[in-house]
Structures are given as structure tokens and as C-alpha cells.
Amino acid sequence: MLPATFKLCAGISYRHMRNLKGLRRTAAAAISHELDKLAFAGPGPSKWINQVRRRSSLLSCRVEEKPYSDVEMSYIQQGEEALQKSLSILGNQEGWKTEITAENGDKVLSKVLPDIGKVFRLEVVLDQALDDIYRELVDNMEQMGEWNPNVKEVKVLQKVGKDTLITHEIAADTPGNIVGPRDFVSVRCNKRRGSTCVLAGMSTRFGAMPEQKGYVRAENGPTCMVLHPYIENRGQTKLTWLLSIDLKGWLPKSIINQVLSQTQVNFAHHLREHMAVRPALNAAIAC
């Protein structure tokens, strides 16, 4: 079935076939069907990662009716590049060293990669269902500063299609913070197939958001979060967060590594606390 799907996608790329709306609908349905079969339900992301990597051309096959400009297409390609690179890193299980193991089971691991440097990997299990976690991290991302004290602001600058966003993030300058004010401009690619979600991103340039006075423009990526139902309890969610950041400035690597690994632990703590009180907040709003 997959070879036939590829041919269907390829057919749309020919000028004389672009106006055949029936073909586009058939291609969209075929692709959706094939991707749905890749849904992952196991204990880790490896199987789903391998499936996505082998069928990466499906992710870049565009069948939407809305045309994109060259700039928008570059953002889409950057987002999918971040997704593929991130999944490739997470898919390689060798060389990871434990940085932090919390009492509740949260774990941060790290490894050094050529051309990227040190990357960090957070693994946690959350008590909420995947849909609830996804809603907070994607649909409500601009409210992240309300519950994560390490984040001052997240703003969506532009949406490109249904999967790609350009965002501006400002890190909070908390008391005792040894790292000065940083901000980021990122392209984000969100893919959801079956029971697995991947939220990937990397730094990008956006003309309407030049470097801001008082902030060091840091860079991130490739980075991603992988969400899927926890195998031992489908009502829980396994979250794996790959973090790769260049904070810029004159900071010792030992300090940077300590800050980044602790940032991941703190994120899990604040997200868990926020999700625990979320039902009560929703109930209060409903009243």
C-alpha cells in the first residue's frame, strides 16, 4: 500500500494533475490511513521513531489546498528537519549517561553529539491522559508562563498550516538565576498520529522579531517532546523531552550543564503541579 501512496503523492507534483481535486482527496485519505497504522502503543518511542524515519517522505508530502510561499515552505521544512533529527537522536539508545534521578522516578540523561554538543533527555510519567497534556503544551502554550516560573512569556508569531508555528519565548529572570535574560525565536512542528505525539522545534530567523534589547538571543534545537500513553496505565502519559540549547554568552560549560538538567527536572515538577490543580480550575470556571 505504501508504494502506491508514494505514487499518488508524486502524481500531484505534476502540473497537469494538480487540478484533479479527486486525486488530492484520494491521496490525503491514503496518507492518513497509512500514518494511522503507525500509531505506537509500546513502552518507549523507539518503534514509532523507526516507523516515522523510514517513511519520512510522507511527512513532507503536502496535499493541502492552500498554497505556501517560499518563506512559509522554508519554515515547514525547518520544522520537519527538527523533528527528524530529534527522533534520530532519541532512537539511538547508546551512550546516554544519567545526570539526575529524582525520588519520584523522573530521570535526566545526557550524551555528547558531534556538531551539536551535549544534549539532555528527560523521562517522566504523568498521571494525566495524553490529550490533557497535549492541550497544555500545544493548544495552551501561550499560558505556559502562568505555571512555569522559568518562562516569562511564550507568544505565537505565525501559524503555517496545521502543524507549524513560529514562536518567541522569553526565559524568566528569576532571583538567584546565574544565567542572564535569554530569549528564543523557534519554529515548531507538531505531529500527532494515533496514540503518539511529537512536538519538535529548533531556532529560526523571523524578520518581525529581531534581537531584543536587554536579552541575549539564545539558540535551541534540535529539540522535541514525545508523548504517548504509559504502557502500564493508559490513563497516564510517558513524556520524553530532548533538550539541546546554546545559551550564548560567556558561561562555563559546567554551569550550563547543571542549569539545563535542573531546568528539565523543574519543568516536570511545575507541569505535574499545574495538571494536578487543573480540574479544580476548570470546575471553578464552569461555575
Protein backbone atom coordinates (compact mmCIF):
# COMPACT_ATOMS: atom_id res chain seq x y z
CA MET A 1 0.00 0.00 0.00
CA LEU A 2 2.82 2.41 0.82
CA PRO A 3 4.41 2.30 -2.69
CA ALA A 4 1.01 3.12 -4.16
CA THR A 5 0.67 6.03 -1.74
CA PHE A 6 4.07 7.38 -2.78
CA LYS A 7 2.99 7.24 -6.44
CA LEU A 8 -0.19 9.07 -5.60
CA CYS A 9 1.79 11.83 -3.89
CA ALA A 10 4.19 12.02 -6.81
CA GLY A 11 1.32 12.37 -9.24
CA ILE A 12 0.16 15.56 -7.55
CA SER A 13 3.55 17.14 -8.16
CA TYR A 14 2.97 17.10 -11.93
CA ARG A 15 1.46 20.33 -13.26
CA HIS A 16 -1.21 18.68 -15.40
CA MET A 17 -2.53 16.72 -12.41
CA ARG A 18 -2.60 19.46 -9.76
CA ASN A 19 -6.17 20.47 -10.52
CA LEU A 20 -7.61 16.99 -10.04
CA LYS A 21 -9.26 17.55 -6.68
CA GLY A 22 -10.49 13.99 -6.53
CA LEU A 23 -6.92 12.76 -6.76
CA ARG A 24 -5.89 15.08 -3.95
CA ARG A 25 -8.68 13.82 -1.74
CA THR A 26 -7.74 10.23 -2.53
CA ALA A 27 -4.08 10.96 -1.74
CA ALA A 28 -4.99 12.64 1.54
CA ALA A 29 -7.15 9.72 2.58
CA ALA A 30 -4.46 7.20 1.64
CA ILE A 31 -1.76 9.07 3.55
CA SER A 32 -3.98 9.45 6.60
CA HIS A 33 -4.73 5.74 6.53
CA GLU A 34 -1.07 4.78 6.29
CA LEU A 35 0.02 7.15 9.06
CA ASP A 36 -2.73 5.97 11.37
CA LYS A 37 -1.31 2.45 11.08
CA LEU A 38 1.98 3.75 12.51
CA ALA A 39 0.38 4.55 15.88
CA PHE A 40 2.59 3.42 18.75
CA ALA A 41 1.35 1.77 21.94
CA GLY A 42 4.54 0.35 23.46
CA PRO A 43 6.65 1.42 26.47
CA GLY A 44 9.01 3.78 24.59
CA PRO A 45 9.23 5.87 21.42
CA SER A 46 11.72 3.66 19.57
CA LYS A 47 9.27 1.68 17.40
CA TRP A 48 7.28 4.75 16.39
CA ILE A 49 10.51 6.69 15.76
CA ASN A 50 11.78 3.99 13.41
CA GLN A 51 8.48 3.91 11.53
CA VAL A 52 8.47 7.69 11.10
CA ARG A 53 12.11 7.74 9.96
CA ARG A 54 11.53 5.04 7.34
CA ARG A 55 8.52 6.90 5.99
CA SER A 56 9.83 10.44 6.33
CA SER A 57 8.74 11.28 2.80
CA LEU A 58 5.13 11.00 3.94
CA LEU A 59 5.68 13.84 6.39
CA SER A 60 6.82 16.20 3.65
CA CYS A 61 4.15 15.22 1.10
CA ARG A 62 1.84 18.24 1.04
CA VAL A 63 -1.75 17.84 -0.13
CA GLU A 64 -3.38 20.89 1.46
CA GLU A 65 -5.35 23.11 -0.89
CA LYS A 66 -3.75 26.29 0.48
CA PRO A 67 -0.51 27.21 -1.33
CA TYR A 68 2.53 28.30 0.68
CA SER A 69 5.06 30.99 -0.06
CA ASP A 70 8.76 30.17 -0.31
CA VAL A 71 9.31 31.57 3.19
CA GLU A 72 6.46 29.51 4.63
CA MET A 73 7.76 26.38 2.93
CA SER A 74 11.18 27.01 4.44
CA TYR A 75 9.59 27.09 7.91
CA ILE A 76 7.73 23.85 7.22
CA GLN A 77 10.96 22.21 6.08
CA GLN A 78 12.85 23.50 9.13
CA GLY A 79 10.19 22.11 11.45
CA GLU A 80 10.25 18.69 9.83
CA GLU A 81 14.06 18.72 9.85
CA ALA A 82 13.97 19.38 13.60
CA LEU A 83 11.51 16.51 14.02
CA GLN A 84 13.62 14.04 12.04
CA LYS A 85 16.89 14.99 13.75
CA SER A 86 15.31 14.80 17.20
CA LEU A 87 13.78 11.40 16.58
CA SER A 88 17.08 10.15 15.21
CA ILE A 89 18.85 11.21 18.42
CA LEU A 90 16.22 9.65 20.67
CA GLY A 91 16.19 6.50 18.58
CA ASN A 92 19.85 5.81 19.35
CA GLN A 93 19.88 4.27 22.82
CA GLU A 94 23.68 4.08 23.14
CA GLY A 95 25.88 6.50 25.06
CA TRP A 96 23.33 8.04 27.41
CA LYS A 97 24.59 8.80 30.93
CA THR A 98 22.40 9.52 33.95
CA GLU A 99 22.56 13.10 35.20
CA ILE A 100 19.71 13.17 37.73
CA THR A 101 17.37 10.55 39.19
CA ALA A 102 14.61 12.01 41.35
CA GLU A 103 12.82 10.16 44.14
CA ASN A 104 9.60 10.10 42.12
CA GLY A 105 11.31 8.33 39.21
CA ASP A 106 11.90 11.37 36.99
CA LYS A 107 15.20 10.93 35.19
CA VAL A 108 17.54 13.17 33.19
CA LEU A 109 20.16 11.61 30.93
CA SER A 110 22.74 13.20 28.64
CA LYS A 111 25.16 12.47 25.82
CA VAL A 112 27.59 14.46 23.68
CA LEU A 113 26.96 14.55 19.94
CA PRO A 114 29.26 15.72 17.14
CA ASP A 115 28.31 19.14 15.72
CA ILE A 116 25.62 19.59 18.39
CA GLY A 117 27.31 19.23 21.76
CA LYS A 118 25.69 17.99 24.93
CA VAL A 119 22.00 17.11 24.77
CA PHE A 120 19.70 16.21 27.64
CA ARG A 121 16.86 13.72 27.83
CA LEU A 122 14.08 13.91 30.43
CA GLU A 123 11.89 10.87 31.04
CA VAL A 124 8.80 11.20 33.25
CA VAL A 125 5.41 9.60 33.75
CA LEU A 126 2.49 11.96 34.33
CA ASP A 127 -0.83 10.99 35.92
CA GLN A 128 -2.93 12.71 33.26
CA ALA A 129 -4.12 11.38 29.91
CA LEU A 130 -2.25 12.28 26.74
CA ASP A 131 -5.00 14.59 25.46
CA ASP A 132 -4.79 16.73 28.58
CA ILE A 133 -1.00 17.03 28.43
CA TYR A 134 -1.10 17.79 24.70
CA ARG A 135 -3.68 20.51 25.25
CA GLU A 136 -1.48 22.28 27.80
CA LEU A 137 1.77 22.02 25.85
CA VAL A 138 0.39 22.83 22.39
CA ASP A 139 -3.06 24.44 22.45
CA ASN A 140 -2.34 26.46 25.62
CA MET A 141 1.38 27.08 25.11
CA GLU A 142 0.96 30.86 25.41
CA GLN A 143 -0.22 30.33 29.01
CA MET A 144 2.94 28.43 30.00
CA GLY A 145 4.33 31.45 31.84
CA GLU A 146 1.39 31.25 34.25
CA TRP A 147 2.53 27.94 35.73
CA ASN A 148 6.21 27.61 34.82
CA PRO A 149 8.31 30.17 36.73
CA ASN A 150 11.24 29.57 34.36
CA VAL A 151 9.21 31.04 31.49
CA LYS A 152 8.25 34.70 31.30
CA GLU A 153 6.36 34.60 28.02
CA VAL A 154 5.55 32.41 25.03
CA LYS A 155 3.99 34.11 22.04
CA VAL A 156 2.88 32.59 18.75
CA LEU A 157 4.17 34.87 15.98
CA GLN A 158 2.81 32.98 12.97
CA LYS A 159 1.00 29.78 12.08
CA VAL A 160 1.90 27.93 8.89
CA GLY A 161 -0.63 25.24 8.02
CA LYS A 162 -1.89 22.95 10.75
CA ASP A 163 1.45 21.62 12.04
CA THR A 164 3.95 24.51 12.03
CA LEU A 165 4.32 27.52 14.32
CA ILE A 166 6.82 30.34 14.76
CA THR A 167 7.14 31.34 18.42
CA HIS A 168 9.00 33.81 20.61
CA GLU A 169 9.93 32.63 24.09
CA ILE A 170 11.40 34.70 26.91
CA ALA A 171 13.09 32.93 29.82
CA ALA A 172 12.24 34.33 33.24
CA ASP A 173 14.99 36.16 35.09
CA THR A 174 14.31 34.52 38.44
CA PRO A 175 16.07 35.56 41.69
CA GLY A 176 19.42 33.84 42.06
CA ASN A 177 19.48 32.88 38.39
CA ILE A 178 23.12 32.77 37.29
CA VAL A 179 22.11 32.92 33.62
CA GLY A 180 21.06 36.35 32.42
CA PRO A 181 17.87 37.11 30.43
CA ARG A 182 17.56 34.95 27.30
CA ASP A 183 15.01 34.79 24.52
CA PHE A 184 14.43 32.42 21.61
CA VAL A 185 12.73 32.51 18.22
CA SER A 186 11.74 28.99 17.22
CA VAL A 187 9.97 27.05 14.52
CA ARG A 188 7.81 24.27 15.98
CA CYS A 189 6.44 21.19 14.26
CA ASN A 190 3.65 19.27 15.98
CA LYS A 191 2.76 15.82 14.65
CA ARG A 192 0.05 13.63 16.12
CA ARG A 193 -0.53 10.13 14.77
CA GLY A 194 -2.70 7.66 16.64
CA SER A 195 -1.61 7.42 20.27
CA THR A 196 1.73 9.23 19.87
CA CYS A 197 2.55 12.94 19.64
CA VAL A 198 5.84 14.59 18.75
CA LEU A 199 6.41 18.27 19.46
CA ALA A 200 9.66 19.28 17.77
CA GLY A 201 11.47 22.56 17.26
CA MET A 202 14.63 24.48 16.52
CA SER A 203 15.80 28.09 16.33
CA THR A 204 14.94 30.12 13.26
CA ARG A 205 15.02 33.67 11.93
CA PHE A 206 11.88 35.77 11.81
CA GLY A 207 12.09 39.27 10.37
CA ALA A 208 9.39 40.70 12.61
CA MET A 209 11.22 39.59 15.77
CA PRO A 210 14.84 40.84 15.68
CA GLU A 211 17.10 40.61 18.73
CA GLN A 212 15.54 42.42 21.67
CA LYS A 213 17.29 44.97 23.86
CA GLY A 214 18.18 43.53 27.25
CA TYR A 215 18.09 39.89 26.09
CA VAL A 216 20.69 37.52 24.71
CA ARG A 217 19.24 35.68 21.70
CA ALA A 218 19.94 32.03 22.54
CA GLU A 219 19.50 29.09 20.17
CA ASN A 220 17.83 25.74 20.63
CA GLY A 221 17.46 22.57 18.69
CA PRO A 222 17.00 20.12 17.52
CA THR A 223 14.64 19.53 20.42
CA CYS A 224 11.38 17.66 20.89
CA MET A 225 8.90 16.14 23.29
CA VAL A 226 7.42 12.71 22.63
CA LEU A 227 4.12 11.87 24.32
CA HIS A 228 2.38 8.52 24.38
CA PRO A 229 0.16 6.57 26.81
CA TYR A 230 2.13 4.81 29.52
CA ILE A 231 2.12 1.07 28.85
CA GLU A 232 1.33 0.14 32.46
CA ASN A 233 -1.58 2.57 32.77
CA ARG A 234 -3.27 4.01 29.70
CA GLY A 235 -4.64 6.87 31.80
CA GLN A 236 -1.07 8.10 32.36
CA THR A 237 1.32 9.69 29.86
CA LYS A 238 5.00 8.99 29.24
CA LEU A 239 6.84 12.20 28.34
CA THR A 240 10.33 12.18 26.85
CA TRP A 241 11.93 15.59 26.33
CA LEU A 242 15.08 16.03 24.26
CA LEU A 243 16.73 19.37 25.08
CA SER A 244 19.54 20.99 23.11
CA ILE A 245 20.35 24.64 23.82
CA ASP A 246 23.16 27.07 23.16
CA LEU A 247 22.70 29.82 25.74
CA LYS A 248 25.38 32.02 24.13
CA GLY A 249 27.45 34.40 26.21
CA TRP A 250 30.48 33.64 28.37
CA LEU A 251 29.27 30.86 30.63
CA PRO A 252 31.29 27.86 31.85
CA LYS A 253 30.02 24.57 30.39
CA SER A 254 29.80 23.04 33.85
CA ILE A 255 27.33 25.73 34.91
CA ILE A 256 25.34 25.44 31.69
CA ASN A 257 25.03 21.67 32.03
CA GLN A 258 23.85 21.99 35.62
CA VAL A 259 21.30 24.64 34.69
CA LEU A 260 19.85 22.71 31.75
CA SER A 261 19.46 19.38 33.55
CA GLN A 262 17.87 21.09 36.54
CA THR A 263 15.59 23.07 34.21
CA GLN A 264 14.17 19.79 32.91
CA VAL A 265 13.54 18.47 36.43
CA ASN A 266 11.89 21.76 37.40
CA PHE A 267 9.71 21.69 34.28
CA ALA A 268 8.38 18.24 35.17
CA HIS A 269 7.68 19.38 38.72
CA HIS A 270 5.78 22.51 37.66
CA LEU A 271 3.85 20.71 34.92
CA ARG A 272 2.82 17.99 37.35
CA GLU A 273 1.65 20.54 39.91
CA HIS A 274 -0.25 22.51 37.29
CA MET A 275 -2.01 19.46 35.89
CA ALA A 276 -2.98 18.33 39.38
CA VAL A 277 -4.92 21.55 40.06
CA ARG A 278 -6.26 21.94 36.50
CA PRO A 279 -9.54 20.02 37.08
CA ALA A 280 -10.33 22.28 40.05
CA LEU A 281 -9.66 25.39 37.95
CA ASN A 282 -11.92 24.13 35.16
CA ALA A 283 -14.68 23.40 37.65
CA ALA A 284 -14.39 26.89 39.12
CA ILE A 285 -14.58 28.48 35.67
CA ALA A 286 -17.64 26.40 34.79
CA CYS A 287 -19.42 27.65 37.91
